[in-house]
Amino acid sequence: MPKIKLAIRNAWIVLLAVFLSGCAQEDTDQGTLVALGDSITYGANLADSGRSAYPYLIGEDAGFEVHNLAVSGWQTEHVMEALREDEEHRQKVEGADVIAMTIGGNDLLEILRMVETASAGDPERMQEILNQELGSNTFFNELGELIEEIQSLTDAQILLYTIYNPFPPHSYMHQIGEAFLPEVNAAFGEVAESYENVYLADAYSAYRDKQEDYIIAGDIHPTEKGQAVLAEIGLEAIESD
C-alpha cells in the first residue's frame, strides 16, 4: 500500500478511535446523588434498604450513581459534625450533583419526649411546653447552618424533605403531630426559600391520611411504597428547576 494511503488510513483509525472513546464516555457518564440524614434516608427496616430506600429509587429513575451516607438515629448536629470532620462525607459531598436529605425527625422526637415528661401527660400543658420549645429551639438555625455547610463544599442541588406524621389518624400521637407539624414544616419551607438551589419535597402532604399504606405497621419508617412516594416527590422537586 502506498505510504500516503497508509497514512490516511491510520489517521482515520485514530480519529474513529477518539470519536468512539468520546461517545463511550458520554454514554457512561453519570451524575452523582449523595444522600444524607437519618433512618428514613437510610431505609431502615426495609427488606432491602440498598435498593428500596428513596435515594436508590431516584438514582435508578434519573440515572444517578448513589452514595447513601445516612445513619439511623442521626440528628442535624450529627450530619453537621460528619461534614466538618469526616473526610469520606466531605469528599462525597464535594463530588455530588444532587444532595438528598431527610433530617429533623429525631430532633423533634427528642423534644416530644422531653415535653411528655415535663407535662406529665396533660394535653394542655404539653401543648404549652411544646410551643415554648419550638419557639426557642435552635433546630431551624442548625438546619440553616447545615445547608450553608453543604453549600460550602458543593454547588449541587439540595433536596430537602419535610417531616411526615408517622402515626395513623386514629391514634393519640397523630393528633399531637398534627398540632405542631404544619408549623414545623412551614419553617422548613422558609429555610429552603432562604437559600439558592434548595428544593423542598413535601413528605408531610404526601403522607397525610395514608399512613397505613406508607408506614410499616407498628413502626415510624416508610414501607417500600412509602419510599417510592418519597422518590417520586423528590424527583418532581429537582426536575421543577
C-alpha atoms as a PDB file:
ATOM      1  CA  MET A   1       0.000   0.000   0.000  1.00  0.00           C
ATOM      2  CA  PRO A   2       1.447   3.429  -0.937  1.00  0.00           C
ATOM      3  CA  LYS A   3       2.698   5.390   2.059  1.00  0.00           C
ATOM      4  CA  ILE A   4       0.235   8.248   1.591  1.00  0.00           C
ATOM      5  CA  LYS A   5      -2.751   5.891   1.547  1.00  0.00           C
ATOM      6  CA  LEU A   6      -1.391   4.136   4.629  1.00  0.00           C
ATOM      7  CA  ALA A   7      -1.036   7.460   6.426  1.00  0.00           C
ATOM      8  CA  ILE A   8      -4.592   8.469   5.528  1.00  0.00           C
ATOM      9  CA  ARG A   9      -5.942   5.113   6.723  1.00  0.00           C
ATOM     10  CA  ASN A  10      -4.066   5.390  10.021  1.00  0.00           C
ATOM     11  CA  ALA A  11      -5.343   8.925  10.532  1.00  0.00           C
ATOM     12  CA  TRP A  12      -8.927   7.758  10.038  1.00  0.00           C
ATOM     13  CA  ILE A  13      -8.371   4.928  12.509  1.00  0.00           C
ATOM     14  CA  VAL A  14      -7.087   7.387  15.124  1.00  0.00           C
ATOM     15  CA  LEU A  15      -9.982   9.783  14.548  1.00  0.00           C
ATOM     16  CA  LEU A  16     -12.501   6.935  14.753  1.00  0.00           C
ATOM     17  CA  ALA A  17     -10.965   5.687  17.998  1.00  0.00           C
ATOM     18  CA  VAL A  18     -11.119   9.181  19.515  1.00  0.00           C
ATOM     19  CA  PHE A  19     -14.751   9.596  18.419  1.00  0.00           C
ATOM     20  CA  LEU A  20     -15.833   6.224  19.806  1.00  0.00           C
ATOM     21  CA  SER A  21     -13.992   6.889  23.033  1.00  0.00           C
ATOM     22  CA  GLY A  22     -15.819  10.181  23.424  1.00  0.00           C
ATOM     23  CA  CYS A  23     -19.168   8.512  22.737  1.00  0.00           C
ATOM     24  CA  ALA A  24     -18.467   5.761  25.243  1.00  0.00           C
ATOM     25  CA  GLN A  25     -17.546   8.316  27.882  1.00  0.00           C
ATOM     26  CA  GLU A  26     -20.734  10.271  27.200  1.00  0.00           C
ATOM     27  CA  ASP A  27     -22.878   7.136  27.413  1.00  0.00           C
ATOM     28  CA  THR A  28     -21.411   6.029  30.745  1.00  0.00           C
ATOM     29  CA  ASP A  29     -21.152   9.444  32.366  1.00  0.00           C
ATOM     30  CA  GLN A  30     -23.484   9.557  35.383  1.00  0.00           C
ATOM     31  CA  GLY A  31     -24.497  12.268  37.754  1.00  0.00           C
ATOM     32  CA  THR A  32     -23.964  11.565  41.427  1.00  0.00           C
ATOM     33  CA  LEU A  33     -26.557  11.691  44.191  1.00  0.00           C
ATOM     34  CA  VAL A  34     -25.314  11.785  47.783  1.00  0.00           C
ATOM     35  CA  ALA A  35     -27.895  11.045  50.484  1.00  0.00           C
ATOM     36  CA  LEU A  36     -27.540  12.475  53.981  1.00  0.00           C
ATOM     37  CA  GLY A  37     -29.670  12.221  57.068  1.00  0.00           C
ATOM     38  CA  ASP A  38     -31.363   9.682  59.264  1.00  0.00           C
ATOM     39  CA  SER A  39     -33.056   6.274  59.195  1.00  0.00           C
ATOM     40  CA  ILE A  40     -35.638   7.364  56.628  1.00  0.00           C
ATOM     41  CA  THR A  41     -32.917   8.174  54.109  1.00  0.00           C
ATOM     42  CA  TYR A  42     -31.051   5.019  55.100  1.00  0.00           C
ATOM     43  CA  GLY A  43     -34.107   2.842  54.504  1.00  0.00           C
ATOM     44  CA  ALA A  44     -34.492   1.399  57.991  1.00  0.00           C
ATOM     45  CA  ASN A  45     -36.468  -1.821  58.461  1.00  0.00           C
ATOM     46  CA  LEU A  46     -36.905  -2.499  54.758  1.00  0.00           C
ATOM     47  CA  ALA A  47     -36.171  -5.964  53.436  1.00  0.00           C
ATOM     48  CA  ASP A  48     -33.572  -4.452  51.098  1.00  0.00           C
ATOM     49  CA  SER A  49     -32.530  -0.954  52.172  1.00  0.00           C
ATOM     50  CA  GLY A  50     -29.864  -0.952  49.471  1.00  0.00           C
ATOM     51  CA  ARG A  51     -32.468  -0.959  46.704  1.00  0.00           C
ATOM     52  CA  SER A  52     -35.750   0.207  48.220  1.00  0.00           C
ATOM     53  CA  ALA A  53     -34.711   3.413  50.025  1.00  0.00           C
ATOM     54  CA  TYR A  54     -35.741   6.538  48.138  1.00  0.00           C
ATOM     55  CA  PRO A  55     -32.193   7.709  47.206  1.00  0.00           C
ATOM     56  CA  TYR A  56     -31.650   4.489  45.234  1.00  0.00           C
ATOM     57  CA  LEU A  57     -35.062   4.782  43.598  1.00  0.00           C
ATOM     58  CA  ILE A  58     -34.252   8.325  42.496  1.00  0.00           C
ATOM     59  CA  GLY A  59     -30.878   7.127  41.250  1.00  0.00           C
ATOM     60  CA  GLU A  60     -32.443   4.293  39.286  1.00  0.00           C
ATOM     61  CA  ASP A  61     -35.005   6.567  37.669  1.00  0.00           C
ATOM     62  CA  ALA A  62     -32.692   9.508  36.916  1.00  0.00           C
ATOM     63  CA  GLY A  63     -29.505   7.569  36.195  1.00  0.00           C
ATOM     64  CA  PHE A  64     -27.526   8.797  39.207  1.00  0.00           C
ATOM     65  CA  GLU A  65     -24.730   6.965  40.918  1.00  0.00           C
ATOM     66  CA  VAL A  66     -25.859   6.881  44.567  1.00  0.00           C
ATOM     67  CA  HIS A  67     -23.821   7.195  47.761  1.00  0.00           C
ATOM     68  CA  ASN A  68     -26.068   6.817  50.804  1.00  0.00           C
ATOM     69  CA  LEU A  69     -24.278   8.235  53.862  1.00  0.00           C
ATOM     70  CA  ALA A  70     -27.364   8.378  56.097  1.00  0.00           C
ATOM     71  CA  VAL A  71     -27.203   6.850  59.586  1.00  0.00           C
ATOM     72  CA  SER A  72     -30.176   5.709  61.664  1.00  0.00           C
ATOM     73  CA  GLY A  73     -30.733   7.865  64.722  1.00  0.00           C
ATOM     74  CA  TRP A  74     -28.815  10.879  63.476  1.00  0.00           C
ATOM     75  CA  GLN A  75     -29.924  14.390  64.255  1.00  0.00           C
ATOM     76  CA  THR A  76     -28.970  17.608  62.474  1.00  0.00           C
ATOM     77  CA  GLU A  77     -25.871  18.073  64.612  1.00  0.00           C
ATOM     78  CA  HIS A  78     -24.546  14.628  63.669  1.00  0.00           C
ATOM     79  CA  VAL A  79     -24.704  15.377  59.935  1.00  0.00           C
ATOM     80  CA  MET A  80     -23.008  18.721  60.554  1.00  0.00           C
ATOM     81  CA  GLU A  81     -20.246  17.072  62.554  1.00  0.00           C
ATOM     82  CA  ALA A  82     -19.678  14.458  59.842  1.00  0.00           C
ATOM     83  CA  LEU A  83     -19.385  17.129  57.144  1.00  0.00           C
ATOM     84  CA  ARG A  84     -16.832  19.015  59.202  1.00  0.00           C
ATOM     85  CA  GLU A  85     -14.769  16.111  60.483  1.00  0.00           C
ATOM     86  CA  ASP A  86     -15.274  13.011  58.319  1.00  0.00           C
ATOM     87  CA  GLU A  87     -13.209  13.010  55.147  1.00  0.00           C
ATOM     88  CA  GLU A  88     -15.447  10.495  53.351  1.00  0.00           C
ATOM     89  CA  HIS A  89     -18.502  12.676  53.882  1.00  0.00           C
ATOM     90  CA  ARG A  90     -16.677  15.766  52.675  1.00  0.00           C
ATOM     91  CA  GLN A  91     -15.284  14.096  49.557  1.00  0.00           C
ATOM     92  CA  LYS A  92     -18.588  12.505  48.585  1.00  0.00           C
ATOM     93  CA  VAL A  93     -20.482  15.777  49.037  1.00  0.00           C
ATOM     94  CA  GLU A  94     -17.858  17.701  47.059  1.00  0.00           C
ATOM     95  CA  GLY A  95     -18.426  15.360  44.108  1.00  0.00           C
ATOM     96  CA  ALA A  96     -22.225  15.406  44.237  1.00  0.00           C
ATOM     97  CA  ASP A  97     -24.631  16.740  41.633  1.00  0.00           C
ATOM     98  CA  VAL A  98     -27.613  16.277  43.963  1.00  0.00           C
ATOM     99  CA  ILE A  99     -27.793  16.095  47.764  1.00  0.00           C
ATOM    100  CA  ALA A 100     -30.936  14.365  49.101  1.00  0.00           C
ATOM    101  CA  MET A 101     -31.702  14.722  52.783  1.00  0.00           C
ATOM    102  CA  THR A 102     -34.306  13.818  55.383  1.00  0.00           C
ATOM    103  CA  ILE A 103     -33.321  15.235  58.736  1.00  0.00           C
ATOM    104  CA  GLY A 104     -35.031  16.700  61.784  1.00  0.00           C
ATOM    105  CA  GLY A 105     -37.347  13.866  62.777  1.00  0.00           C
ATOM    106  CA  ASN A 106     -35.063  12.680  65.555  1.00  0.00           C
ATOM    107  CA  ASP A 107     -34.539  16.247  66.747  1.00  0.00           C
ATOM    108  CA  LEU A 108     -38.290  16.627  67.124  1.00  0.00           C
ATOM    109  CA  LEU A 109     -38.758  13.223  68.765  1.00  0.00           C
ATOM    110  CA  GLU A 110     -36.273  14.259  71.436  1.00  0.00           C
ATOM    111  CA  ILE A 111     -38.279  17.433  72.054  1.00  0.00           C
ATOM    112  CA  LEU A 112     -41.504  15.416  72.248  1.00  0.00           C
ATOM    113  CA  ARG A 113     -40.047  13.020  74.814  1.00  0.00           C
ATOM    114  CA  MET A 114     -38.942  15.931  76.950  1.00  0.00           C
ATOM    115  CA  VAL A 115     -42.329  17.646  76.628  1.00  0.00           C
ATOM    116  CA  GLU A 116     -44.236  14.463  77.513  1.00  0.00           C
ATOM    117  CA  THR A 117     -42.148  14.011  80.651  1.00  0.00           C
ATOM    118  CA  ALA A 118     -42.390  17.662  81.695  1.00  0.00           C
ATOM    119  CA  SER A 119     -46.162  17.845  81.140  1.00  0.00           C
ATOM    120  CA  ALA A 120     -46.918  14.578  82.973  1.00  0.00           C
ATOM    121  CA  GLY A 121     -49.244  13.693  80.078  1.00  0.00           C
ATOM    122  CA  ASP A 122     -51.558  16.691  80.482  1.00  0.00           C
ATOM    123  CA  PRO A 123     -52.583  17.700  76.918  1.00  0.00           C
ATOM    124  CA  GLU A 124     -52.918  21.434  77.571  1.00  0.00           C
ATOM    125  CA  ARG A 125     -49.647  21.600  79.472  1.00  0.00           C
ATOM    126  CA  MET A 126     -47.985  19.526  76.746  1.00  0.00           C
ATOM    127  CA  GLN A 127     -49.122  21.954  74.043  1.00  0.00           C
ATOM    128  CA  GLU A 128     -47.947  24.922  76.101  1.00  0.00           C
ATOM    129  CA  ILE A 129     -44.475  23.468  76.662  1.00  0.00           C
ATOM    130  CA  LEU A 130     -44.259  22.289  73.073  1.00  0.00           C
ATOM    131  CA  ASN A 131     -44.987  25.783  71.763  1.00  0.00           C
ATOM    132  CA  GLN A 132     -42.298  27.184  74.029  1.00  0.00           C
ATOM    133  CA  GLU A 133     -39.748  24.613  72.894  1.00  0.00           C
ATOM    134  CA  LEU A 134     -40.450  25.074  69.204  1.00  0.00           C
ATOM    135  CA  GLY A 135     -40.282  28.822  69.623  1.00  0.00           C
ATOM    136  CA  SER A 136     -36.913  28.769  71.362  1.00  0.00           C
ATOM    137  CA  ASN A 137     -35.332  25.645  69.930  1.00  0.00           C
ATOM    138  CA  THR A 138     -32.227  26.098  67.817  1.00  0.00           C
ATOM    139  CA  PHE A 139     -33.144  23.326  65.364  1.00  0.00           C
ATOM    140  CA  PHE A 140     -34.061  25.618  62.475  1.00  0.00           C
ATOM    141  CA  ASN A 141     -30.901  27.657  62.955  1.00  0.00           C
ATOM    142  CA  GLU A 142     -28.960  24.384  62.856  1.00  0.00           C
ATOM    143  CA  LEU A 143     -30.778  23.369  59.677  1.00  0.00           C
ATOM    144  CA  GLY A 144     -29.740  26.621  58.019  1.00  0.00           C
ATOM    145  CA  GLU A 145     -26.159  26.140  59.186  1.00  0.00           C
ATOM    146  CA  LEU A 146     -26.210  22.612  57.766  1.00  0.00           C
ATOM    147  CA  ILE A 147     -27.308  23.875  54.357  1.00  0.00           C
ATOM    148  CA  GLU A 148     -24.567  26.508  54.470  1.00  0.00           C
ATOM    149  CA  GLU A 149     -22.017  23.824  55.318  1.00  0.00           C
ATOM    150  CA  ILE A 150     -23.155  21.709  52.374  1.00  0.00           C
ATOM    151  CA  GLN A 151     -23.037  24.703  50.048  1.00  0.00           C
ATOM    152  CA  SER A 152     -19.500  25.498  51.177  1.00  0.00           C
ATOM    153  CA  LEU A 153     -18.494  22.117  49.717  1.00  0.00           C
ATOM    154  CA  THR A 154     -20.637  21.841  46.578  1.00  0.00           C
ATOM    155  CA  ASP A 155     -22.958  23.725  44.251  1.00  0.00           C
ATOM    156  CA  ALA A 156     -25.168  20.634  43.922  1.00  0.00           C
ATOM    157  CA  GLN A 157     -28.943  20.788  44.068  1.00  0.00           C
ATOM    158  CA  ILE A 158     -30.098  20.177  47.645  1.00  0.00           C
ATOM    159  CA  LEU A 159     -33.303  18.177  48.025  1.00  0.00           C
ATOM    160  CA  LEU A 160     -34.791  18.713  51.484  1.00  0.00           C
ATOM    161  CA  TYR A 161     -37.804  16.747  52.722  1.00  0.00           C
ATOM    162  CA  THR A 162     -40.423  17.993  55.160  1.00  0.00           C
ATOM    163  CA  ILE A 163     -41.341  15.796  58.128  1.00  0.00           C
ATOM    164  CA  TYR A 164     -44.316  13.487  57.721  1.00  0.00           C
ATOM    165  CA  ASN A 165     -46.663  12.406  60.507  1.00  0.00           C
ATOM    166  CA  PRO A 166     -45.873   8.693  61.015  1.00  0.00           C
ATOM    167  CA  PHE A 167     -48.817   7.906  63.274  1.00  0.00           C
ATOM    168  CA  PRO A 168     -52.178   6.599  61.969  1.00  0.00           C
ATOM    169  CA  PRO A 169     -55.092   9.064  62.013  1.00  0.00           C
ATOM    170  CA  HIS A 170     -56.982   7.261  64.789  1.00  0.00           C
ATOM    171  CA  SER A 171     -54.077   7.449  67.266  1.00  0.00           C
ATOM    172  CA  TYR A 172     -53.489   9.959  70.041  1.00  0.00           C
ATOM    173  CA  MET A 173     -49.927  10.569  68.797  1.00  0.00           C
ATOM    174  CA  HIS A 174     -51.287  11.503  65.369  1.00  0.00           C
ATOM    175  CA  GLN A 175     -53.191  14.386  66.920  1.00  0.00           C
ATOM    176  CA  ILE A 176     -50.100  15.566  68.755  1.00  0.00           C
ATOM    177  CA  GLY A 177     -48.174  15.521  65.495  1.00  0.00           C
ATOM    178  CA  GLU A 178     -50.897  17.466  63.722  1.00  0.00           C
ATOM    179  CA  ALA A 179     -50.732  20.114  66.442  1.00  0.00           C
ATOM    180  CA  PHE A 180     -47.195  21.188  65.545  1.00  0.00           C
ATOM    181  CA  LEU A 181     -46.023  19.625  62.256  1.00  0.00           C
ATOM    182  CA  PRO A 182     -47.720  22.206  59.977  1.00  0.00           C
ATOM    183  CA  GLU A 183     -45.840  24.956  61.800  1.00  0.00           C
ATOM    184  CA  VAL A 184     -42.592  22.991  61.715  1.00  0.00           C
ATOM    185  CA  ASN A 185     -42.875  22.251  58.004  1.00  0.00           C
ATOM    186  CA  ALA A 186     -43.759  25.852  57.216  1.00  0.00           C
ATOM    187  CA  ALA A 187     -40.444  26.734  58.837  1.00  0.00           C
ATOM    188  CA  PHE A 188     -38.749  24.101  56.643  1.00  0.00           C
ATOM    189  CA  GLY A 189     -40.184  25.951  53.658  1.00  0.00           C
ATOM    190  CA  GLU A 190     -38.863  29.272  54.919  1.00  0.00           C
ATOM    191  CA  VAL A 191     -35.391  27.782  55.392  1.00  0.00           C
ATOM    192  CA  ALA A 192     -35.427  26.333  51.872  1.00  0.00           C
ATOM    193  CA  GLU A 193     -36.523  29.650  50.370  1.00  0.00           C
ATOM    194  CA  SER A 194     -33.671  31.415  52.140  1.00  0.00           C
ATOM    195  CA  TYR A 195     -31.042  29.621  50.038  1.00  0.00           C
ATOM    196  CA  GLU A 196     -30.473  29.194  46.336  1.00  0.00           C
ATOM    197  CA  ASN A 197     -30.561  25.729  44.810  1.00  0.00           C
ATOM    198  CA  VAL A 198     -32.548  24.175  47.694  1.00  0.00           C
ATOM    199  CA  TYR A 199     -35.686  22.267  46.707  1.00  0.00           C
ATOM    200  CA  LEU A 200     -38.415  21.209  49.115  1.00  0.00           C
ATOM    201  CA  ALA A 201     -40.171  17.845  48.819  1.00  0.00           C
ATOM    202  CA  ASP A 202     -43.403  17.876  50.831  1.00  0.00           C
ATOM    203  CA  ALA A 203     -43.449  14.474  52.530  1.00  0.00           C
ATOM    204  CA  TYR A 204     -45.964  15.753  55.093  1.00  0.00           C
ATOM    205  CA  SER A 205     -48.660  16.379  52.492  1.00  0.00           C
ATOM    206  CA  ALA A 206     -47.825  13.224  50.532  1.00  0.00           C
ATOM    207  CA  TYR A 207     -48.286  11.045  53.634  1.00  0.00           C
ATOM    208  CA  ARG A 208     -51.403  12.738  55.005  1.00  0.00           C
ATOM    209  CA  ASP A 209     -54.027  10.108  55.946  1.00  0.00           C
ATOM    210  CA  LYS A 210     -52.048   7.423  54.086  1.00  0.00           C
ATOM    211  CA  GLN A 211     -50.005   6.084  56.977  1.00  0.00           C
ATOM    212  CA  GLU A 212     -51.487   2.583  56.700  1.00  0.00           C
ATOM    213  CA  ASP A 213     -50.018   2.267  53.202  1.00  0.00           C
ATOM    214  CA  TYR A 214     -46.863   4.305  53.601  1.00  0.00           C
ATOM    215  CA  ILE A 215     -45.698   3.408  57.143  1.00  0.00           C
ATOM    216  CA  ILE A 216     -44.536  -0.025  58.298  1.00  0.00           C
ATOM    217  CA  ALA A 217     -47.084  -1.448  60.790  1.00  0.00           C
ATOM    218  CA  GLY A 218     -46.077  -0.679  64.375  1.00  0.00           C
ATOM    219  CA  ASP A 219     -43.193   1.448  63.116  1.00  0.00           C
ATOM    220  CA  ILE A 220     -42.490   5.039  62.094  1.00  0.00           C
ATOM    221  CA  HIS A 221     -40.487   4.244  58.949  1.00  0.00           C
ATOM    222  CA  PRO A 222     -41.726   4.109  55.364  1.00  0.00           C
ATOM    223  CA  THR A 223     -42.798   0.943  53.627  1.00  0.00           C
ATOM    224  CA  GLU A 224     -41.427   0.262  50.152  1.00  0.00           C
ATOM    225  CA  LYS A 225     -44.495   2.060  48.820  1.00  0.00           C
ATOM    226  CA  GLY A 226     -43.786   4.982  51.135  1.00  0.00           C
ATOM    227  CA  GLN A 227     -40.179   5.139  49.953  1.00  0.00           C
ATOM    228  CA  ALA A 228     -41.387   5.108  46.345  1.00  0.00           C
ATOM    229  CA  VAL A 229     -43.560   8.145  47.107  1.00  0.00           C
ATOM    230  CA  LEU A 230     -40.563   9.953  48.617  1.00  0.00           C
ATOM    231  CA  ALA A 231     -38.601   9.214  45.452  1.00  0.00           C
ATOM    232  CA  GLU A 232     -41.458  10.469  43.264  1.00  0.00           C
ATOM    233  CA  ILE A 233     -41.903  13.807  45.040  1.00  0.00           C
ATOM    234  CA  GLY A 234     -38.127  14.235  45.253  1.00  0.00           C
ATOM    235  CA  LEU A 235     -37.722  13.821  41.507  1.00  0.00           C
ATOM    236  CA  GLU A 236     -40.582  16.227  40.881  1.00  0.00           C
ATOM    237  CA  ALA A 237     -38.913  18.813  43.125  1.00  0.00           C
ATOM    238  CA  ILE A 238     -35.477  18.756  41.491  1.00  0.00           C
ATOM    239  CA  GLU A 239     -36.870  18.474  37.963  1.00  0.00           C
ATOM    240  CA  SER A 240     -39.007  21.564  38.512  1.00  0.00           C
ATOM    241  CA  ASP A 241     -35.873  23.720  38.221  1.00  0.00           C
END
